Amino acid sequence: MSKLMRSVLAGLALFALACSSTPTLPQSGSPEVGADAEGPILILVSLDGFRWDFLERGETPTLARLAAEGVHARRLIPSFPSKTFPNHYTLVTGLRPAEHGLVANNIWDPATEKLFGLSNRVAVGTGAWYGGEPIWVTAERRGIRTAPLFWPGSEAEILGVRPSYHQPYDGDMTPEARVDLILKWLELPPPERPGFLTLYFEDVDDAAHTFGPEPSAELAGALGVVDRAMARLVEGLERRGLDDRVDLLVVSDHGMASTSPERVILLDDYIDLETANVVDWNPVLGLWPSKENLDRVYEALAGAHSHLTVVRREEIPDRFEFAGHERIPPIVGIADEGWSISSSSDVARCPRCFDGGTHGYDHRLESMGALLVARGPSFRRATKIGPIENFHLYNAMCIVLGLDPAPNSGDPARVWDLVTPREPNTGS
């Protein structure tokens, strides 16, 4: 949820403002520093909360043109839970949340007895929370400089590697400034220029959470903001003579479903919140009761509400592909589409907070479907494909960059409809 992301990480702006005007210096000792001037350049763009069908509303002409010229998927299927941090990290590792360990936006780690949350500055920047090998680590090891701007995980040192260019998330940095920083990095001389970059825009997610995913002036305004940012990026690439060299992969992390104050499950109607140890709330509930309270909490919630499915960790349905990681809570609750999970005090404090939209539900619901548009020399032209799961895109990015992929759950055969192959870049 980027609104939470924006508020809890606002303290990082003190660092980011300084970095936004001057690119971070390259790491010393990076292997094979200095990518070939003619090497591939891939920009991965996230439009947080941009549901797949928002493209059909006629409010994003730049994105519509990119979709017509390149590859456009009917929808991108997120991984469960359809939340921001888990799915952004899935996109760059090819691993589902239950495999890479970011199983929610707020996580309890029983091994270390530590809490990960978007407000936890130390946790967000600690590599131990991030399993798998993100693509910027693979690229840096092959001598391709990277610049993942505001991408979850990019602030941490993972497997001993940091991106050549990175900075903390700054929700106050305008879309125009973000695009201009990417273009500034691309103006660097070839030995210093990054070959893999990311952009992140939270505007659509913010508007859809507040006003809902149905057509509105506010949501239309947010769609216009991100479309103008994409136009600025495309025009900037053209002015620099890079439009025929740069591959653009535009995605979102999840979709959005409408919520209502009339569709709220009050958890404290059924359990004592003091003993339940609720780590994550809505619409996927994560509870870590003590061993002596676990059965009592489960029995009180199981079947308590007709729009809430409550299961033990080992009973999570296979269709969610959400099993096997120790950070998955012992008790998981999943609300039906359009329903929220909260408490009496929170509803009394802010009843309008539930009159908008949210995400996190069953990832295969159409309302949770995300955006996928790709255009550039490595992507096929004027091609429409059916729905595709987001963890497969990691292999597409490795093909574009000529990288041997790290172990992942994606199937390279699933992305041949998107890309044309390159030889692996082994750094030799």
Protein backbone atom coordinates (compact mmCIF):
# COMPACT_ATOMS: atom_id res chain seq x y z
CA MET A 1 0.00 0.00 0.00
CA SER A 2 1.82 3.04 -1.17
CA LYS A 3 -0.11 5.43 1.09
CA LEU A 4 1.38 3.63 4.06
CA MET A 5 4.69 3.43 2.25
CA ARG A 6 4.64 7.17 1.77
CA SER A 7 3.78 8.07 5.35
CA VAL A 8 6.02 5.65 7.20
CA LEU A 9 9.08 6.27 5.11
CA ALA A 10 8.75 10.03 5.03
CA GLY A 11 11.80 10.34 7.24
CA LEU A 12 13.93 9.02 4.42
CA ALA A 13 13.30 12.21 2.44
CA LEU A 14 16.12 13.97 4.26
CA PHE A 15 18.56 11.65 2.54
CA ALA A 16 16.74 11.35 -0.77
CA LEU A 17 16.52 15.06 -1.51
CA ALA A 18 20.25 15.35 -1.48
CA CYS A 19 20.63 12.29 -3.69
CA SER A 20 18.02 13.39 -6.20
CA SER A 21 20.19 16.15 -7.59
CA THR A 22 23.44 14.17 -7.74
CA PRO A 23 23.57 10.52 -8.79
CA THR A 24 25.03 8.16 -6.20
CA LEU A 25 28.65 7.38 -6.99
CA PRO A 26 29.37 3.90 -8.35
CA GLN A 27 30.55 1.24 -5.96
CA SER A 28 34.26 0.68 -5.88
CA GLY A 29 35.27 -2.86 -6.58
CA SER A 30 32.23 -3.78 -8.66
CA PRO A 31 33.10 -6.69 -10.97
CA GLU A 32 33.60 -5.94 -14.62
CA VAL A 33 32.80 -2.25 -14.10
CA GLY A 34 31.85 -0.47 -17.30
CA ALA A 35 29.17 -1.99 -19.47
CA ASP A 36 29.59 -1.91 -23.23
CA ALA A 37 28.27 1.32 -24.75
CA GLU A 38 26.01 -0.78 -26.98
CA GLY A 39 24.82 -3.02 -24.17
CA PRO A 40 21.10 -3.42 -23.43
CA ILE A 41 19.20 -0.91 -21.33
CA LEU A 42 16.03 -1.98 -19.53
CA ILE A 43 13.76 0.32 -17.53
CA LEU A 44 11.25 -1.46 -15.29
CA VAL A 45 8.38 0.87 -14.37
CA SER A 46 5.85 0.20 -11.61
CA LEU A 47 2.52 2.01 -11.58
CA ASP A 48 1.39 0.93 -8.13
CA GLY A 49 -2.29 -0.08 -8.01
CA PHE A 50 -2.90 0.33 -11.76
CA ARG A 51 -5.57 -2.30 -12.36
CA TRP A 52 -5.38 -4.00 -15.76
CA ASP A 53 -8.61 -2.45 -17.04
CA PHE A 54 -7.69 1.14 -16.14
CA LEU A 55 -5.91 1.19 -19.49
CA GLU A 56 -9.30 0.90 -21.22
CA ARG A 57 -10.70 4.13 -19.77
CA GLY A 58 -9.17 6.41 -22.38
CA GLU A 59 -7.26 8.47 -19.82
CA THR A 60 -3.74 7.18 -20.51
CA PRO A 61 -2.89 7.84 -24.18
CA THR A 62 0.85 7.34 -23.76
CA LEU A 63 0.41 3.95 -22.14
CA ALA A 64 -2.18 3.00 -24.76
CA ARG A 65 0.30 3.85 -27.52
CA LEU A 66 3.05 1.80 -25.87
CA ALA A 67 0.62 -1.11 -25.53
CA ALA A 68 -0.37 -0.90 -29.20
CA GLU A 69 3.23 -0.70 -30.39
CA GLY A 70 4.61 -3.44 -28.15
CA VAL A 71 3.34 -6.28 -25.99
CA HIS A 72 0.16 -5.94 -23.95
CA ALA A 73 -1.09 -8.68 -21.61
CA ARG A 74 -4.79 -8.96 -20.88
CA ARG A 75 -3.73 -8.84 -17.25
CA LEU A 76 -0.74 -9.57 -15.07
CA ILE A 77 -1.64 -11.98 -12.27
CA PRO A 78 0.01 -10.98 -9.00
CA SER A 79 1.23 -13.41 -6.38
CA PHE A 80 -0.60 -13.97 -3.11
CA PRO A 81 -1.00 -11.87 -1.08
CA SER A 82 -1.66 -9.19 -3.69
CA LYS A 83 0.23 -6.56 -1.70
CA THR A 84 2.89 -4.01 -2.61
CA PHE A 85 6.15 -5.18 -1.01
CA PRO A 86 5.66 -8.92 -1.69
CA ASN A 87 4.81 -8.44 -5.36
CA HIS A 88 7.46 -5.86 -6.17
CA TYR A 89 10.07 -8.23 -4.83
CA THR A 90 8.52 -11.17 -6.69
CA LEU A 91 8.85 -9.23 -9.96
CA VAL A 92 12.62 -8.81 -9.55
CA THR A 93 13.40 -12.31 -8.20
CA GLY A 94 10.99 -14.62 -10.00
CA LEU A 95 10.07 -16.09 -6.60
CA ARG A 96 6.65 -16.12 -4.96
CA PRO A 97 6.32 -14.39 -1.57
CA ALA A 98 6.33 -17.71 0.29
CA GLU A 99 9.67 -18.43 -1.39
CA HIS A 100 11.49 -15.11 -0.97
CA GLY A 101 10.15 -14.42 2.52
CA LEU A 102 8.37 -11.07 2.09
CA VAL A 103 5.06 -12.72 2.89
CA ALA A 104 3.25 -9.45 3.71
CA ASN A 105 3.85 -5.75 4.19
CA ASN A 106 4.17 -6.44 7.92
CA ILE A 107 5.96 -9.62 8.96
CA TRP A 108 7.02 -11.40 12.14
CA ASP A 109 10.18 -13.49 11.82
CA PRO A 110 10.13 -16.26 14.44
CA ALA A 111 13.79 -17.15 13.91
CA THR A 112 15.05 -13.71 14.92
CA GLU A 113 11.95 -12.58 16.83
CA LYS A 114 11.99 -9.35 14.85
CA LEU A 115 9.26 -7.40 13.08
CA PHE A 116 9.42 -6.15 9.50
CA GLY A 117 7.20 -3.21 8.71
CA LEU A 118 7.21 -0.35 6.28
CA SER A 119 7.81 2.01 9.19
CA ASN A 120 10.87 0.09 10.35
CA ARG A 121 13.80 1.94 8.79
CA VAL A 122 16.32 -0.63 9.95
CA ALA A 123 14.32 -3.62 8.69
CA VAL A 124 13.66 -2.11 5.25
CA GLY A 125 17.40 -1.63 4.80
CA THR A 126 18.45 -5.02 6.18
CA GLY A 127 19.33 -7.60 3.53
CA ALA A 128 18.51 -10.59 5.74
CA TRP A 129 14.81 -9.98 5.20
CA TYR A 130 15.12 -10.43 1.43
CA GLY A 131 15.46 -13.97 0.12
CA GLY A 132 16.43 -14.89 -3.42
CA GLU A 133 18.63 -12.85 -5.74
CA PRO A 134 17.10 -9.68 -7.17
CA ILE A 135 17.97 -8.94 -10.76
CA TRP A 136 20.11 -5.94 -9.89
CA VAL A 137 22.42 -8.22 -7.89
CA THR A 138 22.74 -10.61 -10.84
CA ALA A 139 23.40 -7.70 -13.20
CA GLU A 140 25.99 -6.03 -10.95
CA ARG A 141 27.87 -9.32 -10.68
CA ARG A 142 27.98 -9.46 -14.49
CA GLY A 143 29.34 -5.94 -14.78
CA ILE A 144 26.09 -4.16 -15.60
CA ARG A 145 25.51 -1.13 -13.43
CA THR A 146 22.02 -0.81 -12.00
CA ALA A 147 19.79 1.98 -10.68
CA PRO A 148 16.60 0.62 -9.06
CA LEU A 149 14.85 3.82 -7.95
CA PHE A 150 12.44 3.33 -5.02
CA TRP A 151 12.06 -0.41 -5.59
CA PRO A 152 11.45 -2.55 -2.49
CA GLY A 153 14.72 -4.19 -1.53
CA SER A 154 16.94 -1.70 -3.34
CA GLU A 155 17.90 0.09 -0.10
CA ALA A 156 19.44 -3.07 1.37
CA GLU A 157 22.69 -4.88 0.75
CA ILE A 158 21.57 -8.28 -0.52
CA LEU A 159 24.03 -11.14 -0.89
CA GLY A 160 26.80 -8.62 -0.30
CA VAL A 161 25.83 -6.42 -3.26
CA ARG A 162 24.23 -2.99 -3.55
CA PRO A 163 23.08 -1.31 -6.77
CA SER A 164 25.57 1.14 -8.28
CA TYR A 165 22.97 3.90 -7.94
CA HIS A 166 20.39 3.85 -5.19
CA GLN A 167 18.63 6.09 -2.71
CA PRO A 168 15.98 5.81 -0.03
CA TYR A 169 12.31 6.09 -0.91
CA ASP A 170 11.02 9.67 -0.93
CA GLY A 171 7.26 9.95 -1.38
CA ASP A 172 7.53 13.71 -1.84
CA MET A 173 9.73 13.42 -4.93
CA THR A 174 7.52 14.40 -7.87
CA PRO A 175 6.93 12.09 -10.83
CA GLU A 176 8.75 14.60 -13.05
CA ALA A 177 11.79 14.61 -10.77
CA ARG A 178 11.88 10.81 -10.73
CA VAL A 179 11.85 10.64 -14.52
CA ASP A 180 14.50 13.34 -14.77
CA LEU A 181 16.78 11.45 -12.38
CA ILE A 182 16.50 8.31 -14.52
CA LEU A 183 17.31 10.35 -17.62
CA LYS A 184 20.24 11.95 -15.82
CA TRP A 185 21.64 8.54 -14.99
CA LEU A 186 21.29 7.56 -18.64
CA GLU A 187 23.34 10.61 -19.66
CA LEU A 188 26.37 9.25 -17.83
CA PRO A 189 29.27 8.05 -20.01
CA PRO A 190 29.01 4.39 -21.03
CA PRO A 191 31.38 3.01 -18.37
CA GLU A 192 29.17 4.53 -15.67
CA ARG A 193 25.74 4.37 -17.29
CA PRO A 194 23.32 1.84 -15.77
CA GLY A 195 21.85 -0.93 -17.92
CA PHE A 196 19.00 -1.76 -15.56
CA LEU A 197 16.86 0.96 -13.98
CA THR A 198 13.49 1.15 -12.25
CA LEU A 199 10.83 3.79 -11.70
CA TYR A 200 8.01 3.73 -9.18
CA PHE A 201 4.84 5.84 -9.08
CA GLU A 202 2.31 5.55 -6.25
CA ASP A 203 -0.29 8.08 -7.50
CA VAL A 204 -2.86 5.61 -8.85
CA ASP A 205 -2.69 3.44 -5.75
CA ASP A 206 -3.19 6.45 -3.49
CA ALA A 207 -6.24 7.65 -5.43
CA ALA A 208 -7.82 4.20 -5.76
CA HIS A 209 -7.43 3.51 -2.03
CA THR A 210 -9.11 6.79 -1.15
CA PHE A 211 -11.77 7.10 -3.86
CA GLY A 212 -12.12 3.51 -5.05
CA PRO A 213 -11.36 1.91 -8.42
CA GLU A 214 -14.57 2.99 -10.13
CA PRO A 215 -14.37 5.99 -12.49
CA SER A 216 -13.96 9.30 -10.68
CA ALA A 217 -12.36 12.66 -11.28
CA GLU A 218 -9.74 11.90 -8.62
CA LEU A 219 -8.72 8.56 -10.10
CA ALA A 220 -8.72 10.04 -13.61
CA GLY A 221 -6.40 12.75 -12.34
CA ALA A 222 -3.97 10.18 -10.93
CA LEU A 223 -4.04 8.19 -14.17
CA GLY A 224 -3.20 11.39 -16.00
CA VAL A 225 -0.25 12.07 -13.67
CA VAL A 226 1.41 8.72 -14.35
CA ASP A 227 0.64 8.89 -18.08
CA ARG A 228 2.29 12.31 -18.34
CA ALA A 229 5.28 10.93 -16.45
CA MET A 230 5.53 8.12 -19.00
CA ALA A 231 5.27 10.66 -21.83
CA ARG A 232 8.10 12.64 -20.23
CA LEU A 233 10.21 9.49 -20.07
CA VAL A 234 9.54 8.48 -23.68
CA GLU A 235 10.18 12.00 -24.96
CA GLY A 236 13.35 12.22 -22.88
CA LEU A 237 14.64 8.99 -24.38
CA GLU A 238 13.84 10.24 -27.88
CA ARG A 239 15.70 13.52 -27.33
CA ARG A 240 18.74 11.57 -26.21
CA GLY A 241 18.62 9.21 -29.17
CA LEU A 242 17.88 6.24 -26.90
CA ASP A 243 14.31 5.41 -27.85
CA ASP A 244 15.37 2.62 -30.23
CA ARG A 245 17.84 1.16 -27.69
CA VAL A 246 15.88 1.20 -24.45
CA ASP A 247 13.41 -1.50 -23.48
CA LEU A 248 10.47 -0.40 -21.34
CA LEU A 249 8.66 -2.91 -19.15
CA VAL A 250 5.66 -1.24 -17.50
CA VAL A 251 3.87 -3.20 -14.80
CA SER A 252 1.80 -2.79 -11.68
CA ASP A 253 1.95 -4.84 -8.51
CA HIS A 254 -1.76 -5.54 -8.10
CA GLY A 255 -5.22 -4.29 -8.92
CA MET A 256 -7.91 -2.85 -6.66
CA ALA A 257 -11.39 -3.79 -5.39
CA SER A 258 -14.10 -1.48 -4.07
CA THR A 259 -14.73 -1.51 -0.32
CA SER A 260 -17.51 -0.09 1.85
CA PRO A 261 -18.13 0.76 5.52
CA GLU A 262 -21.00 -1.73 5.30
CA ARG A 263 -18.56 -4.54 4.50
CA VAL A 264 -16.22 -4.53 7.49
CA ILE A 265 -15.42 -7.53 9.69
CA LEU A 266 -14.78 -6.36 13.26
CA LEU A 267 -12.17 -8.70 14.63
CA ASP A 268 -12.74 -7.72 18.25
CA ASP A 269 -16.31 -9.06 17.99
CA TYR A 270 -14.78 -12.54 18.11
CA ILE A 271 -11.39 -12.44 19.86
CA ASP A 272 -9.42 -10.49 22.44
CA LEU A 273 -7.00 -8.46 20.33
CA GLU A 274 -4.57 -8.29 23.23
CA THR A 275 -3.95 -12.04 23.09
CA ALA A 276 -4.19 -12.59 19.33
CA ASN A 277 -0.95 -10.79 18.35
CA VAL A 278 -2.22 -9.43 15.04
CA VAL A 279 0.79 -8.68 12.83
CA ASP A 280 -1.02 -7.88 9.58
CA TRP A 281 -4.65 -6.82 9.15
CA ASN A 282 -6.43 -6.17 5.91
CA PRO A 283 -7.69 -7.95 3.87
CA VAL A 284 -5.30 -10.78 4.77
CA LEU A 285 -5.07 -11.35 8.48
CA GLY A 286 -1.85 -12.58 10.05
CA LEU A 287 -1.99 -13.73 13.68
CA TRP A 288 0.80 -15.03 15.91
CA PRO A 289 -0.93 -16.06 19.16
CA SER A 290 1.12 -17.64 21.90
CA LYS A 291 1.14 -21.44 21.88
CA GLU A 292 -1.32 -21.57 24.76
CA ASN A 293 -3.72 -19.21 22.96
CA LEU A 294 -3.37 -20.54 19.41
CA ASP A 295 -6.18 -23.11 19.51
CA ARG A 296 -8.49 -20.75 21.38
CA VAL A 297 -7.99 -17.94 18.84
CA TYR A 298 -8.41 -20.27 15.89
CA GLU A 299 -11.60 -21.82 17.22
CA ALA A 300 -13.07 -18.39 17.95
CA LEU A 301 -12.44 -17.18 14.40
CA ALA A 302 -12.99 -20.28 12.26
CA GLY A 303 -16.44 -19.94 10.75
CA ALA A 304 -17.19 -16.82 12.81
CA HIS A 305 -18.00 -14.63 9.81
CA SER A 306 -19.42 -15.74 6.48
CA HIS A 307 -17.08 -13.44 4.53
CA LEU A 308 -13.87 -14.41 6.33
CA THR A 309 -11.99 -17.64 5.69
CA VAL A 310 -9.70 -18.55 8.59
CA VAL A 311 -7.20 -21.38 8.30
CA ARG A 312 -4.14 -22.67 10.05
CA ARG A 313 -0.85 -22.18 8.22
CA GLU A 314 -0.73 -25.80 7.07
CA GLU A 315 -4.32 -25.61 5.74
CA ILE A 316 -3.93 -22.69 3.33
CA PRO A 317 -5.51 -23.77 0.03
CA ASP A 318 -3.02 -24.86 -2.62
CA ARG A 319 -4.37 -22.33 -5.14
CA PHE A 320 -2.71 -19.52 -3.17
CA GLU A 321 0.76 -21.10 -3.58
CA PHE A 322 1.47 -19.74 -0.13
CA ALA A 323 3.17 -22.42 1.92
CA GLY A 324 6.53 -23.50 3.26
CA HIS A 325 8.00 -20.34 4.78
CA GLU A 326 8.42 -19.96 8.53
CA ARG A 327 7.28 -16.32 8.35
CA ILE A 328 3.75 -17.31 7.27
CA PRO A 329 1.60 -16.76 10.39
CA PRO A 330 0.17 -19.78 12.25
CA ILE A 331 -3.34 -18.40 11.64
CA VAL A 332 -4.26 -16.69 8.38
CA GLY A 333 -7.57 -14.99 7.61
CA ILE A 334 -8.61 -14.04 4.08
CA ALA A 335 -11.54 -11.68 3.53
CA ASP A 336 -13.88 -12.09 0.59
CA GLU A 337 -13.49 -9.63 -2.27
CA GLY A 338 -14.64 -6.16 -1.24
CA TRP A 339 -14.64 -6.91 2.48
CA SER A 340 -12.30 -5.32 5.04
CA ILE A 341 -10.91 -6.56 8.35
CA SER A 342 -10.63 -4.04 11.16
CA SER A 343 -11.52 -3.26 14.77
CA SER A 344 -14.33 -1.30 16.39
CA SER A 345 -11.95 1.45 17.48
CA ASP A 346 -10.49 1.92 14.01
CA VAL A 347 -13.90 2.07 12.37
CA ALA A 348 -15.10 4.61 14.94
CA ARG A 349 -11.98 6.69 14.40
CA CYS A 350 -12.20 6.72 10.60
CA PRO A 351 -15.38 5.23 9.06
CA ARG A 352 -14.60 6.81 5.68
CA CYS A 353 -11.31 4.91 5.58
CA PHE A 354 -13.31 1.90 4.37
CA ASP A 355 -15.19 3.76 1.64
CA GLY A 356 -12.67 3.41 -1.17
CA GLY A 357 -10.65 0.47 -2.37
CA THR A 358 -8.05 -2.04 -1.30
CA HIS A 359 -6.09 -5.09 -2.46
CA GLY A 360 -4.49 -8.20 -1.03
CA TYR A 361 -7.34 -10.59 -1.85
CA ASP A 362 -7.17 -13.86 -3.78
CA HIS A 363 -4.60 -13.02 -6.44
CA ARG A 364 -6.57 -14.70 -9.24
CA LEU A 365 -9.57 -12.40 -8.92
CA GLU A 366 -9.93 -10.16 -11.95
CA SER A 367 -10.08 -7.13 -9.67
CA MET A 368 -6.57 -7.97 -8.44
CA GLY A 369 -5.22 -8.19 -11.99
CA ALA A 370 -2.34 -5.83 -12.78
CA LEU A 371 -0.92 -4.07 -15.83
CA LEU A 372 1.71 -5.41 -18.23
CA VAL A 373 2.94 -3.37 -21.20
CA ALA A 374 6.35 -3.81 -22.85
CA ARG A 375 7.93 -1.94 -25.73
CA GLY A 376 11.44 -1.81 -27.13
CA PRO A 377 13.94 -3.60 -29.35
CA SER A 378 13.84 -6.77 -27.26
CA PHE A 379 10.06 -7.05 -27.14
CA ARG A 380 7.70 -8.22 -29.83
CA ARG A 381 5.65 -5.68 -31.73
CA ALA A 382 1.88 -5.22 -31.73
CA THR A 383 1.37 -8.39 -29.70
CA LYS A 384 -1.44 -9.19 -27.30
CA ILE A 385 -1.12 -12.08 -24.90
CA GLY A 386 -3.39 -13.65 -22.33
CA PRO A 387 -3.02 -13.43 -18.57
CA ILE A 388 0.43 -14.26 -17.21
CA GLU A 389 1.70 -14.65 -13.64
CA ASN A 390 4.09 -11.97 -12.53
CA PHE A 391 6.92 -14.22 -11.33
CA HIS A 392 7.57 -15.27 -14.93
CA LEU A 393 8.68 -11.73 -15.87
CA TYR A 394 12.00 -12.14 -14.09
CA ASN A 395 13.11 -14.52 -16.84
CA ALA A 396 11.99 -12.05 -19.51
CA MET A 397 14.17 -9.37 -17.95
CA CYS A 398 17.14 -11.73 -17.82
CA ILE A 399 16.66 -12.48 -21.52
CA VAL A 400 16.55 -8.76 -22.32
CA LEU A 401 19.73 -8.09 -20.35
CA GLY A 402 21.49 -11.22 -21.53
CA LEU A 403 21.83 -12.62 -18.00
CA ASP A 404 21.87 -16.17 -16.77
CA PRO A 405 18.97 -16.13 -14.30
CA ALA A 406 19.38 -16.99 -10.64
CA PRO A 407 17.22 -19.88 -9.37
CA ASN A 408 13.56 -18.87 -9.65
CA SER A 409 10.06 -20.27 -10.02
CA GLY A 410 9.32 -18.80 -13.43
CA ASP A 411 9.20 -20.73 -16.67
CA PRO A 412 11.27 -19.18 -19.52
CA ALA A 413 8.90 -20.76 -22.02
CA ARG A 414 6.09 -18.57 -20.67
CA VAL A 415 7.80 -15.37 -21.82
CA TRP A 416 8.76 -16.22 -25.40
CA ASP A 417 5.57 -14.48 -26.52
CA LEU A 418 7.04 -11.28 -25.08
CA VAL A 419 10.71 -11.21 -25.99
CA THR A 420 13.30 -12.05 -28.59
CA PRO A 421 16.36 -13.82 -27.18
CA ARG A 422 19.84 -12.48 -26.47
CA GLU A 423 23.01 -14.36 -25.69
CA PRO A 424 23.75 -14.60 -21.93
CA ASN A 425 26.07 -11.87 -20.63
CA THR A 426 28.60 -13.83 -18.56
CA GLY A 427 30.86 -10.86 -17.90
CA SER A 428 33.73 -12.42 -19.86
